[in-house]
Amino acid sequence: MAREFQNMRDRNIVNSWENGGKFEGKKVTDQMLLSFWKGRRGEVARGDPLWDQYDQTVTQYEFAISNSKMELGYAQGKKTPAQMAAFYRGAAGKLPENSEAWRKMMQLAAQYKDRAISAGRGRGRARSDGQYNSASQGIYNKNGRRTTPSSTRSTRWPIRRASSTPRRKTLLTCG
């Protein structure tokens, strides 16, 4: 009966944290959730299998909270893909290599690294486009009109005659 009661409390605090609710009359925050699970871990001896379970629960929630904050920052434009890749590489560094969790972190790091590289290429393209536009604007400001290769020399327009004679192109020089 006591175990059922404690399991219900465990589910209630997690549910309240996930949905912005209250637990035992208090709003559940990240810090409150972590304190709760650290307290549960502290109730059992280190050799007890429950200690390992609670320790893993604390570690998982610490990562979940950090990850959620990073993803929010990325969505708001406050974090770059390079920062996200570094975050996931750091998280992978805390895990045993060749574990499923490690592979997932490294996969996320690689995906954000690819985004960072793509974004860098996009910035380079935008920079070169901006340089071209700036140079074009300078020419426009200097000459009072947009200058392109076709507007710097005379243009020849073919003119068709409206007669019954065979069509001949007559070139007219403008400029």
N, C-alpha and C. Protein backbone atom coordinates (compact mmCIF):
# COMPACT_ATOMS: atom_id res chain seq x y z
N MET A 1 0.82 -1.20 0.00
CA MET A 1 0.00 0.00 0.00
C MET A 1 0.87 1.27 0.00
N ALA A 2 1.92 1.26 0.80
CA ALA A 2 2.83 2.41 0.85
C ALA A 2 3.53 2.60 -0.49
N ARG A 3 3.90 1.50 -1.16
CA ARG A 3 4.56 1.60 -2.46
C ARG A 3 3.60 2.18 -3.50
N GLU A 4 2.35 1.79 -3.47
CA GLU A 4 1.35 2.34 -4.39
C GLU A 4 1.20 3.85 -4.18
N PHE A 5 1.18 4.25 -2.92
CA PHE A 5 1.06 5.67 -2.59
C PHE A 5 2.26 6.43 -3.16
N GLN A 6 3.46 5.90 -2.97
CA GLN A 6 4.66 6.58 -3.46
C GLN A 6 4.70 6.59 -4.98
N ASN A 7 4.30 5.51 -5.61
CA ASN A 7 4.26 5.47 -7.08
C ASN A 7 3.28 6.51 -7.64
N MET A 8 2.14 6.67 -6.94
CA MET A 8 1.16 7.68 -7.35
C MET A 8 1.74 9.09 -7.22
N ARG A 9 2.48 9.34 -6.15
CA ARG A 9 3.13 10.65 -5.98
C ARG A 9 4.14 10.89 -7.10
N ASP A 10 4.91 9.84 -7.44
CA ASP A 10 5.89 9.95 -8.53
C ASP A 10 5.20 10.36 -9.83
N ARG A 11 4.12 9.67 -10.16
CA ARG A 11 3.38 9.98 -11.39
C ARG A 11 2.76 11.38 -11.33
N ASN A 12 2.25 11.76 -10.17
CA ASN A 12 1.60 13.07 -10.04
C ASN A 12 2.59 14.22 -10.26
N ILE A 13 3.79 14.13 -9.68
CA ILE A 13 4.73 15.24 -9.85
C ILE A 13 5.20 15.34 -11.29
N VAL A 14 5.44 14.19 -11.92
CA VAL A 14 5.87 14.22 -13.32
C VAL A 14 4.76 14.77 -14.21
N ASN A 15 3.55 14.33 -14.00
CA ASN A 15 2.41 14.82 -14.77
C ASN A 15 2.22 16.33 -14.57
N SER A 16 2.36 16.77 -13.36
CA SER A 16 2.21 18.21 -13.07
C SER A 16 3.32 19.01 -13.73
N TRP A 17 4.53 18.48 -13.72
CA TRP A 17 5.66 19.16 -14.36
C TRP A 17 5.47 19.25 -15.87
N GLU A 18 5.04 18.14 -16.48
CA GLU A 18 4.86 18.12 -17.92
C GLU A 18 3.72 19.01 -18.39
N ASN A 19 2.69 19.18 -17.55
CA ASN A 19 1.50 19.91 -17.97
C ASN A 19 1.31 21.25 -17.27
N GLY A 20 2.30 21.70 -16.52
CA GLY A 20 2.21 23.00 -15.87
C GLY A 20 1.23 23.02 -14.71
N GLY A 21 1.13 21.92 -14.00
CA GLY A 21 0.18 21.84 -12.89
C GLY A 21 0.83 22.02 -11.53
N LYS A 22 0.08 21.62 -10.51
CA LYS A 22 0.55 21.73 -9.13
C LYS A 22 0.67 20.33 -8.53
N PHE A 23 1.61 20.23 -7.59
CA PHE A 23 1.83 19.00 -6.85
C PHE A 23 1.84 19.37 -5.38
N GLU A 24 0.92 18.79 -4.65
CA GLU A 24 0.77 19.07 -3.22
C GLU A 24 0.66 20.57 -2.96
N GLY A 25 -0.11 21.23 -3.84
CA GLY A 25 -0.42 22.65 -3.67
C GLY A 25 0.62 23.62 -4.22
N LYS A 26 1.70 23.14 -4.79
CA LYS A 26 2.76 24.02 -5.32
C LYS A 26 2.94 23.80 -6.81
N LYS A 27 3.23 24.89 -7.54
CA LYS A 27 3.51 24.79 -8.97
C LYS A 27 4.81 24.03 -9.15
N VAL A 28 4.80 23.09 -10.06
CA VAL A 28 5.98 22.24 -10.27
C VAL A 28 6.90 22.89 -11.30
N THR A 29 8.11 23.18 -10.85
CA THR A 29 9.15 23.75 -11.71
C THR A 29 10.22 22.69 -11.95
N ASP A 30 11.15 23.02 -12.81
CA ASP A 30 12.27 22.11 -13.07
C ASP A 30 13.01 21.79 -11.77
N GLN A 31 13.30 22.83 -11.01
CA GLN A 31 14.06 22.65 -9.76
C GLN A 31 13.28 21.78 -8.77
N MET A 32 11.99 21.99 -8.67
CA MET A 32 11.18 21.19 -7.75
C MET A 32 11.19 19.72 -8.15
N LEU A 33 11.07 19.45 -9.46
CA LEU A 33 11.09 18.08 -9.95
C LEU A 33 12.42 17.40 -9.62
N LEU A 34 13.52 18.09 -9.91
CA LEU A 34 14.84 17.51 -9.63
C LEU A 34 15.04 17.29 -8.14
N SER A 35 14.60 18.23 -7.32
CA SER A 35 14.72 18.07 -5.87
C SER A 35 13.92 16.86 -5.39
N PHE A 36 12.75 16.67 -5.93
CA PHE A 36 11.91 15.53 -5.56
C PHE A 36 12.64 14.22 -5.83
N TRP A 37 13.18 14.07 -7.07
CA TRP A 37 13.83 12.82 -7.43
C TRP A 37 15.15 12.62 -6.70
N LYS A 38 15.85 13.70 -6.42
CA LYS A 38 17.08 13.57 -5.62
C LYS A 38 16.74 13.15 -4.20
N GLY A 39 15.61 13.65 -3.69
CA GLY A 39 15.15 13.24 -2.36
C GLY A 39 14.79 11.76 -2.34
N ARG A 40 14.12 11.31 -3.40
CA ARG A 40 13.77 9.88 -3.49
C ARG A 40 15.04 9.02 -3.53
N ARG A 41 16.04 9.50 -4.26
CA ARG A 41 17.31 8.77 -4.35
C ARG A 41 17.99 8.72 -2.98
N GLY A 42 17.88 9.81 -2.25
CA GLY A 42 18.51 9.88 -0.93
C GLY A 42 17.83 9.01 0.13
N GLU A 43 16.62 8.55 -0.14
CA GLU A 43 15.89 7.70 0.81
C GLU A 43 16.37 6.26 0.82
N VAL A 44 17.14 5.86 -0.18
CA VAL A 44 17.58 4.46 -0.27
C VAL A 44 19.11 4.38 -0.23
N ALA A 45 19.60 3.26 0.17
CA ALA A 45 21.05 3.05 0.25
C ALA A 45 21.63 2.92 -1.16
N ARG A 46 22.90 3.30 -1.29
CA ARG A 46 23.56 3.25 -2.59
C ARG A 46 23.56 1.86 -3.23
N GLY A 47 23.64 0.82 -2.49
CA GLY A 47 23.67 -0.53 -3.04
C GLY A 47 22.31 -1.04 -3.48
N ASP A 48 21.26 -0.35 -3.10
CA ASP A 48 19.89 -0.75 -3.43
C ASP A 48 19.64 -0.51 -4.93
N PRO A 49 19.01 -1.46 -5.62
CA PRO A 49 18.69 -1.26 -7.04
C PRO A 49 17.82 -0.02 -7.28
N LEU A 50 17.00 0.35 -6.29
CA LEU A 50 16.19 1.56 -6.45
C LEU A 50 17.07 2.82 -6.53
N TRP A 51 18.22 2.79 -5.86
CA TRP A 51 19.12 3.96 -5.91
C TRP A 51 19.54 4.18 -7.36
N ASP A 52 19.92 3.11 -8.06
CA ASP A 52 20.32 3.23 -9.47
C ASP A 52 19.16 3.75 -10.33
N GLN A 53 17.98 3.25 -10.04
CA GLN A 53 16.81 3.70 -10.80
C GLN A 53 16.57 5.19 -10.58
N TYR A 54 16.62 5.65 -9.33
CA TYR A 54 16.39 7.06 -9.04
C TYR A 54 17.52 7.92 -9.58
N ASP A 55 18.74 7.41 -9.52
CA ASP A 55 19.87 8.16 -10.05
C ASP A 55 19.72 8.34 -11.56
N GLN A 56 19.30 7.30 -12.25
CA GLN A 56 19.07 7.42 -13.69
C GLN A 56 17.92 8.38 -13.98
N THR A 57 16.90 8.34 -13.14
CA THR A 57 15.76 9.26 -13.32
C THR A 57 16.23 10.70 -13.19
N VAL A 58 17.08 10.98 -12.19
CA VAL A 58 17.61 12.34 -12.01
C VAL A 58 18.42 12.74 -13.24
N THR A 59 19.29 11.86 -13.70
CA THR A 59 20.13 12.16 -14.87
C THR A 59 19.26 12.41 -16.11
N GLN A 60 18.25 11.59 -16.29
CA GLN A 60 17.38 11.76 -17.46
C GLN A 60 16.61 13.08 -17.40
N TYR A 61 16.13 13.45 -16.23
CA TYR A 61 15.41 14.73 -16.13
C TYR A 61 16.35 15.91 -16.25
N GLU A 62 17.57 15.80 -15.75
CA GLU A 62 18.54 16.89 -15.93
C GLU A 62 18.80 17.10 -17.42
N PHE A 63 18.98 16.01 -18.15
CA PHE A 63 19.18 16.15 -19.59
C PHE A 63 17.92 16.67 -20.27
N ALA A 64 16.76 16.15 -19.92
CA ALA A 64 15.51 16.57 -20.55
C ALA A 64 15.29 18.08 -20.37
N ILE A 65 15.61 18.57 -19.19
CA ILE A 65 15.43 20.01 -18.91
C ILE A 65 16.42 20.83 -19.73
N SER A 66 17.69 20.42 -19.74
CA SER A 66 18.71 21.13 -20.52
C SER A 66 18.37 21.09 -22.00
N ASN A 67 17.98 19.93 -22.48
CA ASN A 67 17.64 19.77 -23.89
C ASN A 67 16.44 20.64 -24.26
N SER A 68 15.43 20.66 -23.42
CA SER A 68 14.24 21.47 -23.68
C SER A 68 14.61 22.96 -23.76
N LYS A 69 15.48 23.40 -22.88
CA LYS A 69 15.90 24.82 -22.90
C LYS A 69 16.70 25.13 -24.15
N MET A 70 17.57 24.20 -24.55
CA MET A 70 18.36 24.42 -25.76
C MET A 70 17.46 24.44 -27.00
N GLU A 71 16.54 23.50 -27.09
CA GLU A 71 15.64 23.46 -28.24
C GLU A 71 14.77 24.72 -28.31
N LEU A 72 14.33 25.20 -27.16
CA LEU A 72 13.56 26.45 -27.13
C LEU A 72 14.41 27.61 -27.63
N GLY A 73 15.64 27.68 -27.15
CA GLY A 73 16.55 28.74 -27.60
C GLY A 73 16.81 28.67 -29.10
N TYR A 74 16.94 27.47 -29.62
CA TYR A 74 17.14 27.29 -31.06
C TYR A 74 15.91 27.74 -31.83
N ALA A 75 14.74 27.34 -31.36
CA ALA A 75 13.49 27.72 -32.03
C ALA A 75 13.29 29.24 -32.01
N GLN A 76 13.78 29.90 -30.97
CA GLN A 76 13.64 31.36 -30.87
C GLN A 76 14.77 32.10 -31.59
N GLY A 77 15.71 31.36 -32.15
CA GLY A 77 16.83 31.99 -32.85
C GLY A 77 17.94 32.45 -31.93
N LYS A 78 17.91 32.05 -30.67
CA LYS A 78 18.94 32.46 -29.71
C LYS A 78 20.12 31.49 -29.67
N LYS A 79 19.94 30.31 -30.23
CA LYS A 79 20.99 29.30 -30.31
C LYS A 79 21.24 28.96 -31.77
N THR A 80 22.49 28.80 -32.12
CA THR A 80 22.86 28.46 -33.49
C THR A 80 22.96 26.94 -33.65
N PRO A 81 22.94 26.47 -34.88
CA PRO A 81 23.15 25.04 -35.08
C PRO A 81 24.49 24.55 -34.51
N ALA A 82 25.51 25.39 -34.59
CA ALA A 82 26.82 25.00 -34.03
C ALA A 82 26.74 24.85 -32.51
N GLN A 83 26.01 25.72 -31.84
CA GLN A 83 25.83 25.60 -30.39
C GLN A 83 25.05 24.34 -30.04
N MET A 84 24.05 24.02 -30.85
CA MET A 84 23.27 22.81 -30.61
C MET A 84 24.14 21.56 -30.79
N ALA A 85 24.98 21.56 -31.83
CA ALA A 85 25.87 20.42 -32.07
C ALA A 85 26.82 20.25 -30.89
N ALA A 86 27.35 21.35 -30.38
CA ALA A 86 28.27 21.28 -29.23
C ALA A 86 27.54 20.76 -27.99
N PHE A 87 26.30 21.16 -27.81
CA PHE A 87 25.52 20.69 -26.66
C PHE A 87 25.36 19.17 -26.72
N TYR A 88 24.99 18.66 -27.88
CA TYR A 88 24.78 17.21 -28.01
C TYR A 88 26.09 16.43 -27.92
N ARG A 89 27.18 17.00 -28.44
CA ARG A 89 28.47 16.34 -28.27
C ARG A 89 28.85 16.28 -26.79
N GLY A 90 28.58 17.37 -26.06
CA GLY A 90 28.85 17.39 -24.63
C GLY A 90 28.01 16.36 -23.88
N ALA A 91 26.75 16.24 -24.27
CA ALA A 91 25.87 15.25 -23.63
C ALA A 91 26.37 13.84 -23.93
N ALA A 92 26.84 13.61 -25.15
CA ALA A 92 27.36 12.29 -25.51
C ALA A 92 28.62 11.97 -24.71
N GLY A 93 29.40 12.99 -24.38
CA GLY A 93 30.62 12.79 -23.61
C GLY A 93 30.37 12.27 -22.20
N LYS A 94 29.16 12.44 -21.70
CA LYS A 94 28.81 11.96 -20.36
C LYS A 94 28.26 10.53 -20.38
N LEU A 95 28.11 9.98 -21.59
CA LEU A 95 27.51 8.65 -21.74
C LEU A 95 28.58 7.63 -22.12
N PRO A 96 28.32 6.37 -21.83
CA PRO A 96 29.25 5.34 -22.27
C PRO A 96 29.24 5.23 -23.79
N GLU A 97 30.44 5.24 -24.39
CA GLU A 97 30.53 5.08 -25.82
C GLU A 97 29.95 3.73 -26.22
N ASN A 98 29.46 3.67 -27.43
CA ASN A 98 28.86 2.45 -27.97
C ASN A 98 27.61 2.02 -27.22
N SER A 99 26.88 2.98 -26.69
CA SER A 99 25.56 2.72 -26.12
C SER A 99 24.54 3.39 -27.03
N GLU A 100 23.30 2.98 -26.93
CA GLU A 100 22.24 3.55 -27.77
C GLU A 100 22.09 5.05 -27.50
N ALA A 101 22.15 5.43 -26.24
CA ALA A 101 22.00 6.85 -25.89
C ALA A 101 23.14 7.67 -26.48
N TRP A 102 24.36 7.14 -26.44
CA TRP A 102 25.52 7.83 -27.00
C TRP A 102 25.33 8.03 -28.51
N ARG A 103 24.89 6.96 -29.20
CA ARG A 103 24.66 7.07 -30.65
C ARG A 103 23.60 8.11 -30.98
N LYS A 104 22.54 8.16 -30.20
CA LYS A 104 21.49 9.16 -30.45
C LYS A 104 22.03 10.59 -30.29
N MET A 105 22.84 10.80 -29.25
CA MET A 105 23.41 12.14 -29.03
C MET A 105 24.36 12.51 -30.17
N MET A 106 25.18 11.56 -30.59
CA MET A 106 26.12 11.83 -31.68
C MET A 106 25.38 12.06 -33.00
N GLN A 107 24.27 11.36 -33.20
CA GLN A 107 23.47 11.57 -34.40
C GLN A 107 22.89 12.98 -34.40
N LEU A 108 22.35 13.41 -33.27
CA LEU A 108 21.81 14.77 -33.18
C LEU A 108 22.91 15.81 -33.39
N ALA A 109 24.08 15.56 -32.80
CA ALA A 109 25.21 16.48 -32.98
C ALA A 109 25.58 16.58 -34.45
N ALA A 110 25.62 15.45 -35.14
CA ALA A 110 25.97 15.46 -36.57
C ALA A 110 24.92 16.19 -37.39
N GLN A 111 23.65 16.00 -37.06
CA GLN A 111 22.59 16.69 -37.81
C GLN A 111 22.68 18.20 -37.64
N TYR A 112 22.93 18.66 -36.41
CA TYR A 112 23.06 20.10 -36.21
C TYR A 112 24.35 20.63 -36.83
N LYS A 113 25.41 19.82 -36.86
CA LYS A 113 26.64 20.23 -37.51
C LYS A 113 26.38 20.45 -39.00
N ASP A 114 25.62 19.53 -39.62
CA ASP A 114 25.27 19.69 -41.03
C ASP A 114 24.47 20.98 -41.25
N ARG A 115 23.56 21.27 -40.34
CA ARG A 115 22.78 22.52 -40.45
C ARG A 115 23.71 23.73 -40.34
N ALA A 116 24.69 23.64 -39.44
CA ALA A 116 25.63 24.75 -39.26
C ALA A 116 26.43 24.97 -40.54
N ILE A 117 26.87 23.87 -41.17
CA ILE A 117 27.64 23.97 -42.41
C ILE A 117 26.77 24.55 -43.51
N SER A 118 25.53 24.08 -43.63
CA SER A 118 24.61 24.60 -44.64
C SER A 118 24.33 26.08 -44.41
N ALA A 119 24.14 26.45 -43.15
CA ALA A 119 23.88 27.87 -42.83
C ALA A 119 25.09 28.71 -43.20
N GLY A 120 26.29 28.18 -42.99
CA GLY A 120 27.51 28.90 -43.35
C GLY A 120 27.60 29.12 -44.84
N ARG A 121 27.23 28.11 -45.61
CA ARG A 121 27.22 28.25 -47.06
C ARG A 121 26.20 29.30 -47.48
N GLY A 122 25.04 29.29 -46.83
CA GLY A 122 24.00 30.26 -47.14
C GLY A 122 24.45 31.68 -46.83
N ARG A 123 25.16 31.84 -45.71
CA ARG A 123 25.67 33.17 -45.36
C ARG A 123 26.70 33.63 -46.37
N GLY A 124 27.54 32.69 -46.86
CA GLY A 124 28.54 33.04 -47.87
C GLY A 124 27.88 33.49 -49.15
N ARG A 125 26.81 32.79 -49.55
CA ARG A 125 26.07 33.15 -50.75
C ARG A 125 25.42 34.52 -50.57
N ALA A 126 24.82 34.73 -49.41
CA ALA A 126 24.17 36.02 -49.15
C ALA A 126 25.20 37.15 -49.15
N ARG A 127 26.39 36.85 -48.59
CA ARG A 127 27.45 37.85 -48.54
C ARG A 127 27.89 38.20 -49.96
N SER A 128 28.08 37.19 -50.84
CA SER A 128 28.51 37.49 -52.21
C SER A 128 27.40 38.21 -52.97
N ASP A 129 26.14 37.82 -52.75
CA ASP A 129 25.03 38.54 -53.37
C ASP A 129 24.99 39.98 -52.90
N GLY A 130 25.23 40.18 -51.62
CA GLY A 130 25.24 41.53 -51.07
C GLY A 130 26.35 42.37 -51.66
N GLN A 131 27.53 41.76 -51.89
CA GLN A 131 28.64 42.48 -52.50
C GLN A 131 28.31 42.87 -53.93
N TYR A 132 27.68 41.97 -54.67
CA TYR A 132 27.27 42.28 -56.04
C TYR A 132 26.26 43.43 -56.05
N ASN A 133 25.26 43.34 -55.19
CA ASN A 133 24.24 44.39 -55.12
C ASN A 133 24.85 45.71 -54.73
N SER A 134 25.79 45.68 -53.81
CA SER A 134 26.44 46.91 -53.37
C SER A 134 27.23 47.54 -54.52
N ALA A 135 27.95 46.71 -55.27
CA ALA A 135 28.71 47.23 -56.40
C ALA A 135 27.78 47.79 -57.47
N SER A 136 26.68 47.10 -57.73
CA SER A 136 25.70 47.58 -58.71
C SER A 136 25.11 48.91 -58.27
N GLN A 137 24.81 49.03 -56.99
CA GLN A 137 24.25 50.28 -56.47
C GLN A 137 25.27 51.40 -56.61
N GLY A 138 26.54 51.10 -56.40
CA GLY A 138 27.59 52.11 -56.55
C GLY A 138 27.67 52.62 -57.97
N ILE A 139 27.55 51.72 -58.94
CA ILE A 139 27.57 52.11 -60.34
C ILE A 139 26.34 52.96 -60.66
N TYR A 140 25.19 52.55 -60.13
CA TYR A 140 23.96 53.31 -60.34
C TYR A 140 24.10 54.72 -59.79
N ASN A 141 24.63 54.81 -58.57
CA ASN A 141 24.78 56.13 -57.94
C ASN A 141 25.76 57.00 -58.74
N LYS A 142 26.78 56.40 -59.30
CA LYS A 142 27.79 57.14 -60.06
C LYS A 142 27.24 57.65 -61.39
N ASN A 143 26.49 56.80 -62.08
CA ASN A 143 26.02 57.14 -63.42
C ASN A 143 24.59 57.67 -63.46
N GLY A 144 23.88 57.56 -62.36
CA GLY A 144 22.51 58.04 -62.34
C GLY A 144 21.54 57.06 -62.97
N ARG A 145 21.99 55.91 -63.37
CA ARG A 145 21.13 54.88 -63.93
C ARG A 145 21.80 53.54 -63.70
N ARG A 146 21.02 52.51 -63.73
CA ARG A 146 21.58 51.17 -63.57
C ARG A 146 22.37 50.85 -64.83
N THR A 147 23.58 50.45 -64.64
CA THR A 147 24.43 50.16 -65.77
C THR A 147 24.62 48.67 -65.89
N THR A 148 24.27 48.15 -67.03
CA THR A 148 24.48 46.74 -67.32
C THR A 148 25.26 46.67 -68.62
N PRO A 149 25.83 45.56 -68.95
CA PRO A 149 26.58 45.48 -70.21
C PRO A 149 25.76 45.93 -71.42
N SER A 150 24.49 45.62 -71.47
CA SER A 150 23.68 45.99 -72.63
C SER A 150 23.38 47.49 -72.68
N SER A 151 23.42 48.18 -71.55
CA SER A 151 23.09 49.61 -71.57
C SER A 151 24.33 50.47 -71.72
N THR A 152 25.49 49.86 -71.79
CA THR A 152 26.71 50.66 -71.95
C THR A 152 27.10 50.81 -73.41
N ARG A 153 26.44 50.09 -74.30
CA ARG A 153 26.72 50.21 -75.73
C ARG A 153 25.40 50.37 -76.49
N SER A 154 25.51 50.74 -77.71
CA SER A 154 24.29 50.93 -78.49
C SER A 154 23.64 49.58 -78.75
N THR A 155 22.34 49.60 -78.82
CA THR A 155 21.56 48.39 -79.03
C THR A 155 20.99 48.42 -80.44
N ARG A 156 21.04 47.30 -81.12
CA ARG A 156 20.48 47.20 -82.46
C ARG A 156 19.18 46.42 -82.37
N TRP A 157 18.15 46.99 -82.95
CA TRP A 157 16.84 46.37 -82.94
C TRP A 157 16.45 45.98 -84.35
N PRO A 158 16.05 44.75 -84.59
CA PRO A 158 15.59 44.41 -85.94
C PRO A 158 14.21 45.00 -86.18
N ILE A 159 14.03 45.62 -87.33
CA ILE A 159 12.76 46.24 -87.70
C ILE A 159 12.18 45.48 -88.89
N ARG A 160 10.89 45.15 -88.82
CA ARG A 160 10.24 44.47 -89.93
C ARG A 160 9.38 45.48 -90.70
N ARG A 161 9.42 45.33 -91.99
CA ARG A 161 8.60 46.20 -92.83
C ARG A 161 7.27 45.54 -93.06
N ALA A 162 6.25 46.34 -93.12
CA ALA A 162 4.90 45.83 -93.37
C ALA A 162 4.59 45.99 -94.85
N SER A 163 5.23 45.20 -95.69
CA SER A 163 4.98 45.27 -97.12
C SER A 163 4.84 43.86 -97.68
N SER A 164 4.52 43.79 -98.95
CA SER A 164 4.35 42.49 -99.57
C SER A 164 5.67 41.92 -100.06
N THR A 165 6.70 42.73 -100.02
CA THR A 165 8.00 42.25 -100.47
C THR A 165 8.56 41.26 -99.45
N PRO A 166 9.44 40.39 -99.90
CA PRO A 166 10.01 39.43 -98.94
C PRO A 166 10.61 40.16 -97.73
N ARG A 167 10.51 39.50 -96.64
CA ARG A 167 10.98 40.12 -95.39
C ARG A 167 12.50 40.24 -95.39
N ARG A 168 12.92 41.45 -95.10
CA ARG A 168 14.34 41.70 -94.89
C ARG A 168 14.47 42.41 -93.57
N LYS A 169 15.48 42.04 -92.87
CA LYS A 169 15.73 42.71 -91.57
C LYS A 169 16.56 43.94 -91.83
N THR A 170 16.08 45.03 -91.29
CA THR A 170 16.83 46.26 -91.37
C THR A 170 17.26 46.58 -89.95
N LEU A 171 18.51 46.84 -89.80
CA LEU A 171 19.02 47.14 -88.46
C LEU A 171 19.03 48.64 -88.23
N LEU A 172 18.53 49.01 -87.13
CA LEU A 172 18.46 50.41 -86.75
C LEU A 172 19.35 50.59 -85.54
N THR A 173 20.19 51.54 -85.55
CA THR A 173 21.11 51.75 -84.44
C THR A 173 20.56 52.84 -83.55
N CYS A 174 20.41 52.51 -82.30
CA CYS A 174 19.94 53.50 -81.33
C CYS A 174 21.12 53.87 -80.44
N GLY A 175 21.13 55.02 -79.95
CA GLY A 175 22.15 55.31 -78.95
C GLY A 175 22.91 56.47 -79.23
